[in-house]
Amino acid sequence: MKKTTALWLWALSGIGAVAVCLSFGQESQGAESTTYGRRNPTDVILPDWQGNWDCNLDGRQTELDLQLLADTLCQGNICQNVFKIAGRMSYQGGSNMPVEQREIGQGDLPSSRQDHLLPLRFNSNEGWLQMLLMMHTGNRESASGYVNWNGIPFGIQCRKAGAVSLKISLAGNTKAETAN
């Protein structure tokens, strides 16, 4: 009886070890493919944020240049690619300020769906300021949000550089224009 129980336990632990290895292997492989895949048509993925954005930060013309960066994190001999957004921001005629992605934290808007939120921070003359951009799921070339300065949120609206905007008149005619 003891030999049979020991044999079953040994077999189950072997099956468990194989299952764990397979799940980690699929998770690390899937990270790359699902990072760029949309489950729903309204999903926002990190490559959607990449590019030059013309923004209005509380009345000041601002340029935001965002790039998708890849990094590899390893735990033991299991490695996984991790992607994040980083870049630069500049006010019209001003110096470039580094921008980097941050984790969603206390003080950010609560949301059960965070794929369309991009928490950032940028290094201004007054230190690191937090910013949160929200991509418009109906138009991935528009985003809005806020920059938190001294505990006060200031609005920011952005449009991808060269994006085509649709203006709808009250009569229902649609006209496309290139954003400046």
C-alpha atoms as a PDB file:
ATOM      1  CA  MET A   1       0.000   0.000   0.000  1.00  0.00           C
ATOM      2  CA  LYS A   2       2.799   2.431   0.926  1.00  0.00           C
ATOM      3  CA  LYS A   3       4.670   1.672  -2.315  1.00  0.00           C
ATOM      4  CA  THR A   4       1.539   2.258  -4.391  1.00  0.00           C
ATOM      5  CA  THR A   5       0.820   5.568  -2.621  1.00  0.00           C
ATOM      6  CA  ALA A   6       4.419   6.696  -3.018  1.00  0.00           C
ATOM      7  CA  LEU A   7       4.360   5.731  -6.710  1.00  0.00           C
ATOM      8  CA  TRP A   8       1.144   7.706  -7.281  1.00  0.00           C
ATOM      9  CA  LEU A   9       2.506  10.749  -5.452  1.00  0.00           C
ATOM     10  CA  TRP A  10       5.727  10.594  -7.458  1.00  0.00           C
ATOM     11  CA  ALA A  11       3.750  10.345 -10.737  1.00  0.00           C
ATOM     12  CA  LEU A  12       1.449  13.228  -9.778  1.00  0.00           C
ATOM     13  CA  SER A  13       4.377  15.459  -8.821  1.00  0.00           C
ATOM     14  CA  GLY A  14       6.001  14.689 -12.189  1.00  0.00           C
ATOM     15  CA  ILE A  15       2.797  15.577 -14.030  1.00  0.00           C
ATOM     16  CA  GLY A  16       2.516  18.757 -11.940  1.00  0.00           C
ATOM     17  CA  ALA A  17       6.096  19.758 -12.784  1.00  0.00           C
ATOM     18  CA  VAL A  18       5.460  19.247 -16.503  1.00  0.00           C
ATOM     19  CA  ALA A  19       2.238  21.280 -16.295  1.00  0.00           C
ATOM     20  CA  VAL A  20       4.026  24.153 -14.534  1.00  0.00           C
ATOM     21  CA  CYS A  21       6.803  24.160 -17.147  1.00  0.00           C
ATOM     22  CA  LEU A  22       4.276  24.175 -19.979  1.00  0.00           C
ATOM     23  CA  SER A  23       2.250  26.997 -18.446  1.00  0.00           C
ATOM     24  CA  PHE A  24       5.347  29.169 -17.956  1.00  0.00           C
ATOM     25  CA  GLY A  25       6.474  28.401 -21.482  1.00  0.00           C
ATOM     26  CA  GLN A  26       3.093  29.331 -22.940  1.00  0.00           C
ATOM     27  CA  GLU A  27       2.870  32.427 -20.749  1.00  0.00           C
ATOM     28  CA  SER A  28       6.218  33.756 -21.933  1.00  0.00           C
ATOM     29  CA  GLN A  29       5.428  32.898 -25.549  1.00  0.00           C
ATOM     30  CA  GLY A  30       1.949  34.375 -25.277  1.00  0.00           C
ATOM     31  CA  ALA A  31       3.250  37.614 -23.780  1.00  0.00           C
ATOM     32  CA  GLU A  32       4.715  38.615 -27.107  1.00  0.00           C
ATOM     33  CA  SER A  33       1.730  37.629 -29.213  1.00  0.00           C
ATOM     34  CA  THR A  34      -0.984  39.004 -26.903  1.00  0.00           C
ATOM     35  CA  THR A  35       0.924  42.233 -26.282  1.00  0.00           C
ATOM     36  CA  TYR A  36       0.212  43.171 -29.885  1.00  0.00           C
ATOM     37  CA  GLY A  37      -3.162  41.450 -30.256  1.00  0.00           C
ATOM     38  CA  ARG A  38      -6.590  42.926 -29.624  1.00  0.00           C
ATOM     39  CA  ARG A  39      -9.178  40.728 -27.978  1.00  0.00           C
ATOM     40  CA  ASN A  40     -11.927  43.266 -28.729  1.00  0.00           C
ATOM     41  CA  PRO A  41     -12.068  45.917 -31.476  1.00  0.00           C
ATOM     42  CA  THR A  42     -11.988  48.681 -28.832  1.00  0.00           C
ATOM     43  CA  ASP A  43      -8.865  47.328 -27.061  1.00  0.00           C
ATOM     44  CA  VAL A  44      -5.910  49.688 -26.916  1.00  0.00           C
ATOM     45  CA  ILE A  45      -2.452  48.112 -27.132  1.00  0.00           C
ATOM     46  CA  LEU A  46       0.942  49.688 -26.423  1.00  0.00           C
ATOM     47  CA  PRO A  47       1.922  50.158 -30.119  1.00  0.00           C
ATOM     48  CA  ASP A  48      -1.147  52.428 -30.468  1.00  0.00           C
ATOM     49  CA  TRP A  49       0.648  54.977 -28.255  1.00  0.00           C
ATOM     50  CA  GLN A  50       3.851  54.997 -30.295  1.00  0.00           C
ATOM     51  CA  GLY A  51       4.545  58.101 -32.392  1.00  0.00           C
ATOM     52  CA  ASN A  52       4.453  61.888 -32.284  1.00  0.00           C
ATOM     53  CA  TRP A  53       1.533  63.574 -30.581  1.00  0.00           C
ATOM     54  CA  ASP A  54       0.542  67.250 -30.791  1.00  0.00           C
ATOM     55  CA  CYS A  55      -0.899  68.192 -27.420  1.00  0.00           C
ATOM     56  CA  ASN A  56      -2.454  71.102 -25.592  1.00  0.00           C
ATOM     57  CA  LEU A  57      -1.412  71.063 -21.932  1.00  0.00           C
ATOM     58  CA  ASP A  58      -3.553  73.589 -20.108  1.00  0.00           C
ATOM     59  CA  GLY A  59      -3.345  76.029 -23.031  1.00  0.00           C
ATOM     60  CA  ARG A  60       0.325  75.414 -23.920  1.00  0.00           C
ATOM     61  CA  GLN A  61       1.273  73.725 -27.188  1.00  0.00           C
ATOM     62  CA  THR A  62       3.206  70.583 -26.271  1.00  0.00           C
ATOM     63  CA  GLU A  63       4.835  67.898 -28.346  1.00  0.00           C
ATOM     64  CA  LEU A  64       4.949  64.341 -27.068  1.00  0.00           C
ATOM     65  CA  ASP A  65       7.172  61.737 -28.768  1.00  0.00           C
ATOM     66  CA  LEU A  66       6.475  58.206 -27.502  1.00  0.00           C
ATOM     67  CA  GLN A  67       8.400  55.058 -28.405  1.00  0.00           C
ATOM     68  CA  LEU A  68       7.777  51.403 -27.599  1.00  0.00           C
ATOM     69  CA  LEU A  69      10.783  49.890 -25.824  1.00  0.00           C
ATOM     70  CA  ALA A  70      11.405  46.195 -25.213  1.00  0.00           C
ATOM     71  CA  ASP A  71      13.197  44.790 -22.190  1.00  0.00           C
ATOM     72  CA  THR A  72      13.830  41.207 -21.138  1.00  0.00           C
ATOM     73  CA  LEU A  73      13.136  40.098 -17.573  1.00  0.00           C
ATOM     74  CA  CYS A  74      14.494  36.749 -16.427  1.00  0.00           C
ATOM     75  CA  GLN A  75      13.616  34.721 -13.370  1.00  0.00           C
ATOM     76  CA  GLY A  76      16.047  31.847 -13.239  1.00  0.00           C
ATOM     77  CA  ASN A  77      16.188  30.398 -16.740  1.00  0.00           C
ATOM     78  CA  ILE A  78      12.701  31.631 -17.708  1.00  0.00           C
ATOM     79  CA  CYS A  79      12.784  34.928 -19.602  1.00  0.00           C
ATOM     80  CA  GLN A  80       9.959  37.131 -20.799  1.00  0.00           C
ATOM     81  CA  ASN A  81       9.860  40.233 -22.997  1.00  0.00           C
ATOM     82  CA  VAL A  82       8.311  43.257 -21.330  1.00  0.00           C
ATOM     83  CA  PHE A  83       7.254  46.307 -23.302  1.00  0.00           C
ATOM     84  CA  LYS A  84       6.890  49.869 -22.066  1.00  0.00           C
ATOM     85  CA  ILE A  85       6.457  53.364 -23.439  1.00  0.00           C
ATOM     86  CA  ALA A  86       9.105  56.059 -23.016  1.00  0.00           C
ATOM     87  CA  GLY A  87      10.106  59.203 -24.875  1.00  0.00           C
ATOM     88  CA  ARG A  88      10.258  62.949 -24.554  1.00  0.00           C
ATOM     89  CA  MET A  89       7.969  65.915 -24.134  1.00  0.00           C
ATOM     90  CA  SER A  90       8.630  69.552 -24.986  1.00  0.00           C
ATOM     91  CA  TYR A  91       6.690  72.772 -24.766  1.00  0.00           C
ATOM     92  CA  GLN A  92       6.775  74.856 -27.917  1.00  0.00           C
ATOM     93  CA  GLY A  93      10.339  76.171 -28.184  1.00  0.00           C
ATOM     94  CA  GLY A  94      11.339  74.587 -24.858  1.00  0.00           C
ATOM     95  CA  SER A  95      13.787  71.907 -23.890  1.00  0.00           C
ATOM     96  CA  ASN A  96      13.089  68.170 -24.091  1.00  0.00           C
ATOM     97  CA  MET A  97      11.888  66.513 -20.898  1.00  0.00           C
ATOM     98  CA  PRO A  98      12.188  62.726 -20.514  1.00  0.00           C
ATOM     99  CA  VAL A  99       8.900  60.808 -20.299  1.00  0.00           C
ATOM    100  CA  GLU A 100       8.530  57.284 -18.967  1.00  0.00           C
ATOM    101  CA  GLN A 101       5.725  54.876 -18.244  1.00  0.00           C
ATOM    102  CA  ARG A 102       4.831  54.283 -14.596  1.00  0.00           C
ATOM    103  CA  GLU A 103       2.511  51.949 -12.737  1.00  0.00           C
ATOM    104  CA  ILE A 104      -1.095  52.957 -12.096  1.00  0.00           C
ATOM    105  CA  GLY A 105      -1.228  54.035  -8.489  1.00  0.00           C
ATOM    106  CA  GLN A 106      -3.089  55.864  -5.809  1.00  0.00           C
ATOM    107  CA  GLY A 107      -4.506  59.118  -7.121  1.00  0.00           C
ATOM    108  CA  ASP A 108      -5.184  57.721 -10.604  1.00  0.00           C
ATOM    109  CA  LEU A 109      -8.721  57.215 -11.828  1.00  0.00           C
ATOM    110  CA  PRO A 110     -10.117  53.838 -10.791  1.00  0.00           C
ATOM    111  CA  SER A 111     -11.094  51.666 -13.745  1.00  0.00           C
ATOM    112  CA  SER A 112     -11.934  48.010 -14.168  1.00  0.00           C
ATOM    113  CA  ARG A 113     -10.544  48.256 -17.704  1.00  0.00           C
ATOM    114  CA  GLN A 114      -7.080  49.756 -17.845  1.00  0.00           C
ATOM    115  CA  ASP A 115      -5.986  48.940 -21.397  1.00  0.00           C
ATOM    116  CA  HIS A 116      -6.834  52.450 -22.644  1.00  0.00           C
ATOM    117  CA  LEU A 117      -4.983  54.199 -19.779  1.00  0.00           C
ATOM    118  CA  LEU A 118      -1.328  55.185 -20.074  1.00  0.00           C
ATOM    119  CA  PRO A 119       0.178  56.336 -16.777  1.00  0.00           C
ATOM    120  CA  LEU A 120       3.302  58.407 -17.432  1.00  0.00           C
ATOM    121  CA  ARG A 121       5.632  60.731 -15.609  1.00  0.00           C
ATOM    122  CA  PHE A 122       7.922  63.403 -17.011  1.00  0.00           C
ATOM    123  CA  ASN A 123      10.883  65.250 -15.588  1.00  0.00           C
ATOM    124  CA  SER A 124      10.020  68.957 -15.591  1.00  0.00           C
ATOM    125  CA  ASN A 125      11.865  71.916 -14.069  1.00  0.00           C
ATOM    126  CA  GLU A 126       9.975  71.136 -10.861  1.00  0.00           C
ATOM    127  CA  GLY A 127      10.846  67.432 -10.678  1.00  0.00           C
ATOM    128  CA  TRP A 128       8.891  64.385 -11.830  1.00  0.00           C
ATOM    129  CA  LEU A 129       5.219  65.133 -12.574  1.00  0.00           C
ATOM    130  CA  GLN A 130       2.595  62.441 -13.039  1.00  0.00           C
ATOM    131  CA  MET A 131       0.471  62.336 -16.165  1.00  0.00           C
ATOM    132  CA  LEU A 132      -2.371  60.009 -17.141  1.00  0.00           C
ATOM    133  CA  LEU A 133      -3.489  59.744 -20.749  1.00  0.00           C
ATOM    134  CA  MET A 134      -6.674  58.006 -21.846  1.00  0.00           C
ATOM    135  CA  MET A 135      -6.918  56.913 -25.461  1.00  0.00           C
ATOM    136  CA  HIS A 136     -10.288  57.381 -27.085  1.00  0.00           C
ATOM    137  CA  THR A 137     -11.273  53.838 -28.028  1.00  0.00           C
ATOM    138  CA  GLY A 138     -13.392  55.031 -30.956  1.00  0.00           C
ATOM    139  CA  ASN A 139     -10.438  56.962 -32.403  1.00  0.00           C
ATOM    140  CA  ARG A 140      -6.953  55.762 -31.494  1.00  0.00           C
ATOM    141  CA  GLU A 141      -5.479  59.013 -32.794  1.00  0.00           C
ATOM    142  CA  SER A 142      -6.946  61.057 -29.933  1.00  0.00           C
ATOM    143  CA  ALA A 143      -6.113  60.977 -26.236  1.00  0.00           C
ATOM    144  CA  SER A 144      -6.868  63.179 -23.275  1.00  0.00           C
ATOM    145  CA  GLY A 145      -6.073  63.184 -19.608  1.00  0.00           C
ATOM    146  CA  TYR A 146      -4.348  65.260 -16.988  1.00  0.00           C
ATOM    147  CA  VAL A 147      -1.009  66.248 -15.511  1.00  0.00           C
ATOM    148  CA  ASN A 148      -0.862  66.429 -11.739  1.00  0.00           C
ATOM    149  CA  TRP A 149       1.042  69.502 -10.506  1.00  0.00           C
ATOM    150  CA  ASN A 150       1.090  70.269  -6.770  1.00  0.00           C
ATOM    151  CA  GLY A 151      -1.952  68.042  -6.301  1.00  0.00           C
ATOM    152  CA  ILE A 152      -3.930  69.928  -8.964  1.00  0.00           C
ATOM    153  CA  PRO A 153      -4.924  68.145 -12.204  1.00  0.00           C
ATOM    154  CA  PHE A 154      -4.383  70.172 -15.391  1.00  0.00           C
ATOM    155  CA  GLY A 155      -6.018  68.952 -18.600  1.00  0.00           C
ATOM    156  CA  ILE A 156      -4.123  67.672 -21.607  1.00  0.00           C
ATOM    157  CA  GLN A 157      -5.589  66.809 -25.021  1.00  0.00           C
ATOM    158  CA  CYS A 158      -3.485  65.106 -27.695  1.00  0.00           C
ATOM    159  CA  ARG A 159      -3.853  64.153 -31.337  1.00  0.00           C
ATOM    160  CA  LYS A 160      -1.385  62.011 -33.256  1.00  0.00           C
ATOM    161  CA  ALA A 161       0.683  64.204 -35.552  1.00  0.00           C
ATOM    162  CA  GLY A 162      -0.742  64.102 -39.069  1.00  0.00           C
ATOM    163  CA  ALA A 163      -3.973  62.438 -37.927  1.00  0.00           C
ATOM    164  CA  VAL A 164      -7.128  63.029 -39.930  1.00  0.00           C
ATOM    165  CA  SER A 165      -9.984  64.390 -37.890  1.00  0.00           C
ATOM    166  CA  LEU A 166     -13.645  64.222 -38.750  1.00  0.00           C
ATOM    167  CA  LYS A 167     -15.758  67.298 -38.251  1.00  0.00           C
ATOM    168  CA  ILE A 168     -19.482  66.672 -38.211  1.00  0.00           C
ATOM    169  CA  SER A 169     -21.775  69.554 -38.951  1.00  0.00           C
ATOM    170  CA  LEU A 170     -25.253  69.875 -37.500  1.00  0.00           C
ATOM    171  CA  ALA A 171     -26.663  69.092 -40.947  1.00  0.00           C
ATOM    172  CA  GLY A 172     -25.023  65.661 -40.778  1.00  0.00           C
ATOM    173  CA  ASN A 173     -22.399  66.183 -43.493  1.00  0.00           C
ATOM    174  CA  THR A 174     -19.000  64.715 -42.615  1.00  0.00           C
ATOM    175  CA  LYS A 175     -15.814  66.445 -43.696  1.00  0.00           C
ATOM    176  CA  ALA A 176     -12.243  65.152 -43.194  1.00  0.00           C
ATOM    177  CA  GLU A 177      -9.442  67.569 -42.356  1.00  0.00           C
ATOM    178  CA  THR A 178      -5.782  67.019 -41.577  1.00  0.00           C
ATOM    179  CA  ALA A 179      -4.849  68.143 -38.078  1.00  0.00           C
ATOM    180  CA  ASN A 180      -2.137  70.796 -37.927  1.00  0.00           C
END
